[in-house]
């Protein structure tokens, strides 16, 4: 569910799991968890006239309900040989750079059940004077979020070979 954070979205239910899964951008927080709680939250938000959208996803990604999936992936990730990257990789778990292979493995496992710190990651890069962002893949959702977070940045989207040719000419 996407929640518009500009409003008071307080909601209480005593039991179950409903957690922040993504801190995307101003006005956009994603929550994940048990479907009944997500549906109840959606109804409560609609009753308060707060915009919310149920996302059509197949699992409760980036929340503690994914711990068993992380455990299953843990052995595979730990057994994979990672070389030290030549550049730092910004982790969405911490919103900080990392280049140590063993720490990257740990963060990849944690990413399965941890909140995505997209907004914090973009702010970190913006504070380090990174001002050009390129989204590769279908759509322009990330490009739009970057523009809302780092207003003076230059964001582009590559959806096809033609798009890539235009950007890298």
N, C-alpha and C. Protein backbone atom coordinates (compact mmCIF):
# COMPACT_ATOMS: atom_id res chain seq x y z
N UNK A 1 0.86 -1.18 0.00
CA UNK A 1 0.00 0.00 0.00
C UNK A 1 0.89 1.23 0.00
N UNK A 2 0.57 2.21 -0.80
CA UNK A 2 1.27 3.48 -0.80
C UNK A 2 0.50 4.43 0.10
N UNK A 3 1.19 5.11 0.98
CA UNK A 3 0.55 6.04 1.90
C UNK A 3 1.11 7.43 1.67
N UNK A 4 0.22 8.40 1.57
CA UNK A 4 0.60 9.81 1.46
C UNK A 4 0.97 10.29 2.85
N UNK A 5 2.26 10.53 3.10
CA UNK A 5 2.74 10.85 4.43
C UNK A 5 2.43 12.28 4.87
N UNK A 6 1.90 13.10 4.00
CA UNK A 6 1.63 14.49 4.34
C UNK A 6 0.47 14.61 5.33
N UNK A 7 -0.31 13.57 5.50
CA UNK A 7 -1.45 13.58 6.38
C UNK A 7 -1.17 12.75 7.63
N UNK A 8 -1.99 12.95 8.64
CA UNK A 8 -1.90 12.13 9.84
C UNK A 8 -2.46 10.75 9.51
N UNK A 9 -1.58 9.80 9.35
CA UNK A 9 -2.01 8.47 8.95
C UNK A 9 -1.98 7.51 10.14
N UNK A 10 -2.18 8.05 11.35
CA UNK A 10 -2.14 7.18 12.52
C UNK A 10 -3.26 6.15 12.45
N UNK A 11 -2.91 4.95 12.81
CA UNK A 11 -3.85 3.84 12.75
C UNK A 11 -3.36 2.80 13.74
N UNK A 12 -4.25 2.24 14.53
CA UNK A 12 -3.84 1.27 15.54
C UNK A 12 -4.63 -0.02 15.37
N UNK A 13 -3.89 -1.10 15.36
CA UNK A 13 -4.47 -2.44 15.43
C UNK A 13 -3.54 -3.22 16.33
N UNK A 14 -4.08 -3.96 17.27
CA UNK A 14 -3.27 -4.56 18.32
C UNK A 14 -2.41 -5.73 17.89
N UNK A 15 -2.80 -6.46 16.88
CA UNK A 15 -2.05 -7.66 16.52
C UNK A 15 -1.77 -7.70 15.03
N UNK A 16 -0.64 -8.30 14.68
CA UNK A 16 -0.30 -8.49 13.29
C UNK A 16 0.91 -7.68 12.87
N UNK A 17 1.28 -7.86 11.61
CA UNK A 17 2.47 -7.19 11.08
C UNK A 17 2.08 -6.29 9.93
N UNK A 18 2.41 -5.02 10.07
CA UNK A 18 2.26 -4.02 9.02
C UNK A 18 3.39 -3.02 9.26
N UNK A 19 4.36 -3.00 8.36
CA UNK A 19 5.59 -2.23 8.57
C UNK A 19 5.88 -1.33 7.37
N UNK A 20 6.67 -0.29 7.61
CA UNK A 20 7.14 0.54 6.50
C UNK A 20 8.11 -0.31 5.69
N UNK A 21 7.85 -0.44 4.40
CA UNK A 21 8.69 -1.24 3.52
C UNK A 21 9.60 -0.37 2.67
N UNK A 22 9.12 0.79 2.27
CA UNK A 22 9.88 1.70 1.42
C UNK A 22 9.63 3.13 1.87
N UNK A 23 10.70 3.88 2.05
CA UNK A 23 10.61 5.33 2.22
C UNK A 23 11.06 5.89 0.88
N UNK A 24 10.10 6.13 0.00
CA UNK A 24 10.41 6.44 -1.39
C UNK A 24 10.73 7.90 -1.67
N UNK A 25 9.83 8.79 -1.26
CA UNK A 25 9.97 10.20 -1.62
C UNK A 25 8.97 10.99 -0.80
N UNK A 26 9.09 12.32 -0.82
CA UNK A 26 8.06 13.11 -0.13
C UNK A 26 6.67 12.72 -0.65
N UNK A 27 5.79 12.41 0.28
CA UNK A 27 4.43 12.04 -0.09
C UNK A 27 4.24 10.59 -0.47
N UNK A 28 5.30 9.76 -0.35
CA UNK A 28 5.13 8.37 -0.75
C UNK A 28 5.90 7.42 0.17
N UNK A 29 5.13 6.72 0.99
CA UNK A 29 5.66 5.68 1.87
C UNK A 29 4.93 4.40 1.50
N UNK A 30 5.65 3.29 1.42
CA UNK A 30 5.05 1.99 1.12
C UNK A 30 5.03 1.18 2.41
N UNK A 31 3.91 0.55 2.70
CA UNK A 31 3.85 -0.36 3.84
C UNK A 31 3.61 -1.77 3.33
N UNK A 32 4.05 -2.73 4.13
CA UNK A 32 3.96 -4.13 3.75
C UNK A 32 3.59 -4.93 4.99
N UNK A 33 2.96 -6.07 4.78
CA UNK A 33 2.63 -6.91 5.92
C UNK A 33 1.50 -7.86 5.61
N UNK A 34 0.78 -8.23 6.66
CA UNK A 34 -0.32 -9.16 6.53
C UNK A 34 -1.45 -8.49 5.76
N UNK A 35 -2.01 -9.18 4.79
CA UNK A 35 -2.99 -8.60 3.88
C UNK A 35 -4.20 -8.04 4.62
N UNK A 36 -4.66 -8.71 5.68
CA UNK A 36 -5.82 -8.20 6.42
C UNK A 36 -5.51 -6.83 7.03
N UNK A 37 -4.31 -6.68 7.60
CA UNK A 37 -3.94 -5.39 8.18
C UNK A 37 -3.77 -4.33 7.10
N UNK A 38 -3.20 -4.72 5.97
CA UNK A 38 -3.04 -3.77 4.86
C UNK A 38 -4.42 -3.29 4.40
N UNK A 39 -5.35 -4.21 4.25
CA UNK A 39 -6.71 -3.83 3.84
C UNK A 39 -7.38 -2.94 4.88
N UNK A 40 -7.21 -3.25 6.17
CA UNK A 40 -7.78 -2.42 7.23
C UNK A 40 -7.16 -1.02 7.23
N UNK A 41 -5.84 -0.95 7.04
CA UNK A 41 -5.18 0.35 6.97
C UNK A 41 -5.69 1.14 5.78
N UNK A 42 -5.85 0.49 4.66
CA UNK A 42 -6.35 1.17 3.46
C UNK A 42 -7.73 1.76 3.71
N UNK A 43 -8.60 1.01 4.35
CA UNK A 43 -9.95 1.50 4.67
C UNK A 43 -9.86 2.69 5.62
N UNK A 44 -9.02 2.58 6.66
CA UNK A 44 -8.87 3.68 7.63
C UNK A 44 -8.35 4.93 6.95
N UNK A 45 -7.41 4.78 6.04
CA UNK A 45 -6.87 5.94 5.32
C UNK A 45 -7.93 6.57 4.42
N UNK A 46 -8.66 5.73 3.69
CA UNK A 46 -9.73 6.25 2.83
C UNK A 46 -10.76 7.00 3.66
N UNK A 47 -11.10 6.48 4.85
CA UNK A 47 -12.05 7.16 5.73
C UNK A 47 -11.56 8.53 6.18
N UNK A 48 -10.24 8.69 6.26
CA UNK A 48 -9.64 9.98 6.62
C UNK A 48 -9.35 10.83 5.38
N UNK A 49 -9.78 10.35 4.22
CA UNK A 49 -9.57 11.04 2.94
C UNK A 49 -8.07 11.20 2.63
N UNK A 50 -7.30 10.17 3.01
CA UNK A 50 -5.87 10.13 2.71
C UNK A 50 -5.67 9.16 1.56
N UNK A 51 -4.99 9.64 0.52
CA UNK A 51 -4.78 8.82 -0.66
C UNK A 51 -3.93 7.59 -0.31
N UNK A 52 -4.38 6.44 -0.73
CA UNK A 52 -3.61 5.20 -0.58
C UNK A 52 -3.99 4.27 -1.71
N UNK A 53 -3.03 3.47 -2.13
CA UNK A 53 -3.23 2.55 -3.25
C UNK A 53 -2.70 1.18 -2.83
N UNK A 54 -3.49 0.15 -3.01
CA UNK A 54 -3.02 -1.22 -2.79
C UNK A 54 -2.20 -1.62 -4.02
N UNK A 55 -0.97 -2.04 -3.78
CA UNK A 55 -0.10 -2.46 -4.88
C UNK A 55 -0.30 -3.95 -5.17
N UNK A 56 -0.37 -4.32 -6.44
CA UNK A 56 -0.55 -5.74 -6.80
C UNK A 56 0.78 -6.50 -6.76
N UNK A 57 1.18 -6.92 -5.57
CA UNK A 57 2.44 -7.65 -5.42
C UNK A 57 2.15 -9.06 -4.92
N UNK A 58 3.12 -9.95 -5.11
CA UNK A 58 2.90 -11.36 -4.81
C UNK A 58 3.34 -11.78 -3.41
N UNK A 59 3.97 -10.87 -2.67
CA UNK A 59 4.46 -11.22 -1.33
C UNK A 59 4.63 -9.93 -0.51
N UNK A 60 4.76 -10.05 0.81
CA UNK A 60 4.94 -8.88 1.67
C UNK A 60 6.42 -8.46 1.71
N UNK A 61 6.89 -7.92 0.60
CA UNK A 61 8.31 -7.60 0.45
C UNK A 61 8.77 -6.54 1.45
N UNK A 62 10.05 -6.62 1.82
CA UNK A 62 10.74 -5.66 2.67
C UNK A 62 10.09 -5.48 4.04
N UNK A 63 9.63 -6.59 4.62
CA UNK A 63 9.15 -6.55 5.99
C UNK A 63 9.52 -7.87 6.67
N UNK A 64 9.28 -7.94 7.97
CA UNK A 64 9.72 -9.10 8.75
C UNK A 64 9.06 -10.40 8.32
N UNK A 65 7.97 -10.34 7.58
CA UNK A 65 7.35 -11.57 7.06
C UNK A 65 8.24 -12.26 6.03
N UNK A 66 9.28 -11.58 5.58
CA UNK A 66 10.20 -12.15 4.59
C UNK A 66 11.44 -12.78 5.24
N UNK A 67 11.47 -12.87 6.56
CA UNK A 67 12.64 -13.45 7.24
C UNK A 67 12.93 -14.87 6.78
N UNK A 68 11.90 -15.69 6.57
CA UNK A 68 12.15 -17.08 6.14
C UNK A 68 12.76 -17.11 4.74
N UNK A 69 12.34 -16.19 3.88
CA UNK A 69 12.94 -16.11 2.54
C UNK A 69 14.40 -15.69 2.65
N UNK A 70 14.70 -14.77 3.55
CA UNK A 70 16.09 -14.34 3.75
C UNK A 70 16.95 -15.50 4.25
N UNK A 71 16.38 -16.31 5.13
CA UNK A 71 17.12 -17.48 5.62
C UNK A 71 17.42 -18.45 4.49
N UNK A 72 16.46 -18.66 3.59
CA UNK A 72 16.67 -19.55 2.45
C UNK A 72 17.74 -19.01 1.51
N UNK A 73 17.77 -17.71 1.32
CA UNK A 73 18.75 -17.10 0.41
C UNK A 73 20.13 -16.96 1.06
N UNK A 74 20.17 -16.95 2.37
CA UNK A 74 21.40 -16.70 3.11
C UNK A 74 22.53 -17.64 2.70
N UNK A 75 22.29 -18.94 2.70
CA UNK A 75 23.34 -19.90 2.35
C UNK A 75 23.83 -19.68 0.93
N UNK A 76 22.91 -19.44 0.00
CA UNK A 76 23.30 -19.23 -1.40
C UNK A 76 24.16 -17.98 -1.55
N UNK A 77 23.76 -16.91 -0.89
CA UNK A 77 24.53 -15.67 -0.97
C UNK A 77 25.89 -15.83 -0.31
N UNK A 78 25.91 -16.46 0.87
CA UNK A 78 27.17 -16.64 1.59
C UNK A 78 28.15 -17.52 0.80
N UNK A 79 27.64 -18.49 0.04
CA UNK A 79 28.51 -19.40 -0.72
C UNK A 79 28.98 -18.79 -2.04
N UNK A 80 28.38 -17.70 -2.45
CA UNK A 80 28.75 -17.06 -3.71
C UNK A 80 30.02 -16.24 -3.52
N UNK A 81 30.95 -16.37 -4.46
CA UNK A 81 32.19 -15.62 -4.40
C UNK A 81 31.96 -14.20 -4.91
N UNK A 82 32.12 -13.23 -4.04
CA UNK A 82 32.00 -11.83 -4.40
C UNK A 82 33.39 -11.22 -4.47
N UNK A 83 33.70 -10.54 -5.54
CA UNK A 83 34.94 -9.79 -5.62
C UNK A 83 34.71 -8.40 -5.05
N UNK A 84 35.76 -7.78 -4.57
CA UNK A 84 35.63 -6.43 -4.06
C UNK A 84 35.32 -5.50 -5.23
N UNK A 85 34.23 -4.74 -5.17
CA UNK A 85 33.90 -3.86 -6.29
C UNK A 85 34.91 -2.72 -6.40
N UNK A 86 35.09 -2.25 -7.62
CA UNK A 86 36.03 -1.14 -7.84
C UNK A 86 35.44 0.20 -7.42
N UNK A 87 34.13 0.24 -7.23
CA UNK A 87 33.46 1.43 -6.72
C UNK A 87 32.60 1.03 -5.54
N UNK A 88 32.24 2.00 -4.72
CA UNK A 88 31.37 1.69 -3.60
C UNK A 88 29.94 1.48 -4.09
N UNK A 89 29.25 0.59 -3.40
CA UNK A 89 27.85 0.30 -3.70
C UNK A 89 27.02 0.90 -2.58
N UNK A 90 26.01 1.67 -2.96
CA UNK A 90 25.15 2.29 -1.96
C UNK A 90 24.06 1.30 -1.58
N UNK A 91 24.00 0.96 -0.30
CA UNK A 91 23.03 -0.01 0.19
C UNK A 91 21.72 0.68 0.53
N UNK A 92 20.60 0.12 0.06
CA UNK A 92 19.30 0.65 0.44
C UNK A 92 18.90 0.23 1.84
N UNK A 93 19.66 -0.66 2.47
CA UNK A 93 19.39 -1.04 3.85
C UNK A 93 19.88 0.06 4.80
N UNK A 94 21.04 0.61 4.49
CA UNK A 94 21.67 1.60 5.37
C UNK A 94 21.70 3.01 4.78
N UNK A 95 21.50 3.13 3.48
CA UNK A 95 21.65 4.39 2.74
C UNK A 95 23.09 4.90 2.84
N UNK A 96 24.02 3.96 2.93
CA UNK A 96 25.44 4.29 3.02
C UNK A 96 26.23 3.42 2.04
N UNK A 97 27.41 3.90 1.62
CA UNK A 97 28.21 3.11 0.69
C UNK A 97 28.91 1.95 1.38
N UNK A 98 29.17 0.93 0.58
CA UNK A 98 29.89 -0.25 1.09
C UNK A 98 30.70 -0.83 -0.06
N UNK A 99 31.89 -1.38 0.26
CA UNK A 99 32.67 -2.05 -0.78
C UNK A 99 33.33 -3.34 -0.29
N UNK A 100 33.04 -3.75 0.94
CA UNK A 100 33.60 -4.99 1.47
C UNK A 100 32.66 -6.14 1.12
N UNK A 101 33.13 -7.15 0.38
CA UNK A 101 32.27 -8.24 -0.07
C UNK A 101 31.44 -8.91 1.03
N UNK A 102 32.04 -9.19 2.18
CA UNK A 102 31.28 -9.87 3.24
C UNK A 102 30.16 -8.98 3.78
N UNK A 103 30.40 -7.69 3.86
CA UNK A 103 29.36 -6.76 4.32
C UNK A 103 28.27 -6.62 3.27
N UNK A 104 28.66 -6.64 2.00
CA UNK A 104 27.68 -6.56 0.91
C UNK A 104 26.77 -7.80 0.95
N UNK A 105 27.36 -8.97 1.17
CA UNK A 105 26.55 -10.20 1.28
C UNK A 105 25.53 -10.06 2.41
N UNK A 106 25.99 -9.60 3.56
CA UNK A 106 25.11 -9.42 4.72
C UNK A 106 23.97 -8.45 4.37
N UNK A 107 24.29 -7.36 3.71
CA UNK A 107 23.28 -6.37 3.35
C UNK A 107 22.29 -6.91 2.32
N UNK A 108 22.76 -7.75 1.40
CA UNK A 108 21.85 -8.35 0.42
C UNK A 108 20.82 -9.25 1.11
N UNK A 109 21.27 -9.97 2.12
CA UNK A 109 20.35 -10.82 2.88
C UNK A 109 19.36 -9.94 3.65
N UNK A 110 19.87 -8.91 4.32
CA UNK A 110 19.01 -8.01 5.09
C UNK A 110 18.01 -7.27 4.20
N UNK A 111 18.40 -6.99 2.96
CA UNK A 111 17.52 -6.25 2.05
C UNK A 111 16.20 -6.98 1.81
N UNK A 112 16.21 -8.27 1.93
CA UNK A 112 15.00 -9.06 1.69
C UNK A 112 13.90 -8.70 2.68
N UNK A 113 14.27 -8.41 3.93
CA UNK A 113 13.26 -8.13 4.97
C UNK A 113 13.36 -6.72 5.56
N UNK A 114 14.25 -5.89 5.04
CA UNK A 114 14.45 -4.56 5.59
C UNK A 114 13.80 -3.48 4.74
N UNK A 115 13.52 -2.37 5.38
CA UNK A 115 12.96 -1.20 4.71
C UNK A 115 13.94 -0.69 3.65
N UNK A 116 13.41 -0.32 2.50
CA UNK A 116 14.21 0.30 1.44
C UNK A 116 14.31 1.79 1.75
N UNK A 117 15.52 2.26 1.92
CA UNK A 117 15.78 3.66 2.26
C UNK A 117 16.11 4.46 1.00
N UNK A 118 15.18 4.46 0.07
CA UNK A 118 15.40 5.12 -1.22
C UNK A 118 15.63 6.62 -1.04
N UNK A 119 14.73 7.29 -0.31
CA UNK A 119 14.86 8.74 -0.11
C UNK A 119 16.21 9.07 0.53
N UNK A 120 16.57 8.35 1.59
CA UNK A 120 17.84 8.60 2.26
C UNK A 120 19.03 8.34 1.34
N UNK A 121 18.91 7.34 0.47
CA UNK A 121 19.99 7.03 -0.48
C UNK A 121 20.19 8.17 -1.46
N UNK A 122 19.09 8.72 -1.99
CA UNK A 122 19.18 9.83 -2.93
C UNK A 122 19.73 11.08 -2.22
N UNK A 123 19.27 11.33 -1.00
CA UNK A 123 19.79 12.47 -0.23
C UNK A 123 21.28 12.32 0.00
N UNK A 124 21.73 11.12 0.35
CA UNK A 124 23.16 10.87 0.56
C UNK A 124 23.94 11.20 -0.71
N UNK A 125 23.47 10.69 -1.85
CA UNK A 125 24.18 10.97 -3.11
C UNK A 125 24.15 12.45 -3.45
N UNK A 126 23.02 13.09 -3.25
CA UNK A 126 22.90 14.52 -3.52
C UNK A 126 23.86 15.32 -2.64
N UNK A 127 23.97 14.93 -1.36
CA UNK A 127 24.91 15.60 -0.45
C UNK A 127 26.36 15.39 -0.87
N UNK A 128 26.63 14.32 -1.62
CA UNK A 128 27.99 14.04 -2.12
C UNK A 128 28.18 14.61 -3.54
N UNK A 129 27.29 15.52 -3.92
CA UNK A 129 27.34 16.21 -5.22
C UNK A 129 27.15 15.29 -6.42
N UNK A 130 26.45 14.21 -6.23
CA UNK A 130 26.04 13.37 -7.35
C UNK A 130 24.73 13.97 -7.84
N UNK A 131 24.74 14.43 -9.08
CA UNK A 131 23.58 15.19 -9.56
C UNK A 131 22.97 14.62 -10.84
N UNK A 132 23.55 13.55 -11.36
CA UNK A 132 22.99 12.94 -12.56
C UNK A 132 22.59 11.51 -12.25
N UNK A 133 21.33 11.18 -12.56
CA UNK A 133 20.78 9.87 -12.28
C UNK A 133 20.19 9.30 -13.56
N UNK A 134 20.43 8.02 -13.81
CA UNK A 134 19.88 7.35 -14.99
C UNK A 134 19.15 6.10 -14.52
N UNK A 135 17.88 6.02 -14.86
CA UNK A 135 17.06 4.85 -14.55
C UNK A 135 17.05 3.95 -15.77
N UNK A 136 17.39 2.69 -15.58
CA UNK A 136 17.42 1.74 -16.69
C UNK A 136 16.34 0.70 -16.45
N UNK A 137 15.44 0.57 -17.41
CA UNK A 137 14.36 -0.40 -17.30
C UNK A 137 13.04 0.26 -17.63
N UNK A 138 11.99 -0.54 -17.66
CA UNK A 138 10.70 0.00 -18.06
C UNK A 138 10.17 1.03 -17.06
N UNK A 139 9.59 2.08 -17.56
CA UNK A 139 8.96 3.09 -16.72
C UNK A 139 9.89 4.20 -16.30
N UNK A 140 9.30 5.15 -15.56
CA UNK A 140 10.05 6.32 -15.09
C UNK A 140 9.74 6.62 -13.63
N UNK A 141 9.36 5.61 -12.88
CA UNK A 141 8.96 5.82 -11.49
C UNK A 141 10.13 6.33 -10.65
N UNK A 142 11.29 5.70 -10.76
CA UNK A 142 12.44 6.11 -9.97
C UNK A 142 12.92 7.51 -10.38
N UNK A 143 12.88 7.79 -11.68
CA UNK A 143 13.27 9.11 -12.18
C UNK A 143 12.40 10.18 -11.53
N UNK A 144 11.11 9.94 -11.47
CA UNK A 144 10.19 10.90 -10.85
C UNK A 144 10.48 11.09 -9.37
N UNK A 145 10.78 10.00 -8.67
CA UNK A 145 11.08 10.12 -7.24
C UNK A 145 12.37 10.89 -7.01
N UNK A 146 13.39 10.64 -7.85
CA UNK A 146 14.65 11.37 -7.71
C UNK A 146 14.40 12.87 -7.88
N UNK A 147 13.61 13.25 -8.86
CA UNK A 147 13.32 14.67 -9.10
C UNK A 147 12.61 15.31 -7.92
N UNK A 148 11.79 14.54 -7.20
CA UNK A 148 11.10 15.09 -6.03
C UNK A 148 12.02 15.22 -4.83
N UNK A 149 13.06 14.40 -4.76
CA UNK A 149 13.99 14.41 -3.62
C UNK A 149 15.14 15.38 -3.85
N UNK A 150 15.79 15.25 -5.01
CA UNK A 150 16.97 16.07 -5.35
C UNK A 150 16.55 16.97 -6.51
N UNK A 151 15.91 18.06 -6.17
CA UNK A 151 15.26 18.91 -7.16
C UNK A 151 16.20 19.47 -8.23
N UNK A 152 17.46 19.66 -7.91
CA UNK A 152 18.41 20.22 -8.87
C UNK A 152 19.18 19.15 -9.65
N UNK A 153 18.80 17.91 -9.50
CA UNK A 153 19.50 16.84 -10.20
C UNK A 153 18.99 16.72 -11.63
N UNK A 154 19.76 16.02 -12.43
CA UNK A 154 19.35 15.70 -13.80
C UNK A 154 19.03 14.22 -13.82
N UNK A 155 17.80 13.88 -14.13
CA UNK A 155 17.38 12.48 -14.15
C UNK A 155 16.92 12.10 -15.55
N UNK A 156 17.34 10.92 -15.99
CA UNK A 156 16.95 10.40 -17.29
C UNK A 156 16.48 8.96 -17.12
N UNK A 157 15.70 8.52 -18.09
CA UNK A 157 15.18 7.16 -18.06
C UNK A 157 15.51 6.48 -19.39
N UNK A 158 16.02 5.26 -19.30
CA UNK A 158 16.33 4.47 -20.49
C UNK A 158 15.36 3.29 -20.52
N UNK A 159 14.46 3.33 -21.52
CA UNK A 159 13.48 2.27 -21.69
C UNK A 159 13.74 1.45 -22.95
N UNK A 160 14.69 1.91 -23.76
CA UNK A 160 14.95 1.24 -25.04
C UNK A 160 16.37 1.56 -25.48
N UNK A 161 16.81 0.87 -26.51
CA UNK A 161 18.12 1.15 -27.09
C UNK A 161 18.18 2.57 -27.63
N UNK A 162 17.08 3.04 -28.20
CA UNK A 162 17.02 4.41 -28.72
C UNK A 162 17.22 5.43 -27.60
N UNK A 163 16.61 5.20 -26.44
CA UNK A 163 16.79 6.10 -25.29
C UNK A 163 18.27 6.14 -24.89
N UNK A 164 18.91 4.98 -24.86
CA UNK A 164 20.33 4.92 -24.48
C UNK A 164 21.18 5.68 -25.48
N UNK A 165 20.89 5.55 -26.76
CA UNK A 165 21.64 6.26 -27.78
C UNK A 165 21.53 7.77 -27.60
N UNK A 166 20.32 8.26 -27.25
CA UNK A 166 20.11 9.69 -27.04
C UNK A 166 20.93 10.20 -25.85
N UNK A 167 20.97 9.42 -24.78
CA UNK A 167 21.66 9.85 -23.55
C UNK A 167 23.17 9.78 -23.72
N UNK A 168 23.67 8.74 -24.39
CA UNK A 168 25.10 8.51 -24.48
C UNK A 168 25.70 8.89 -25.82
N UNK A 169 25.07 9.80 -26.54
CA UNK A 169 25.60 10.19 -27.86
C UNK A 169 26.86 11.00 -27.74
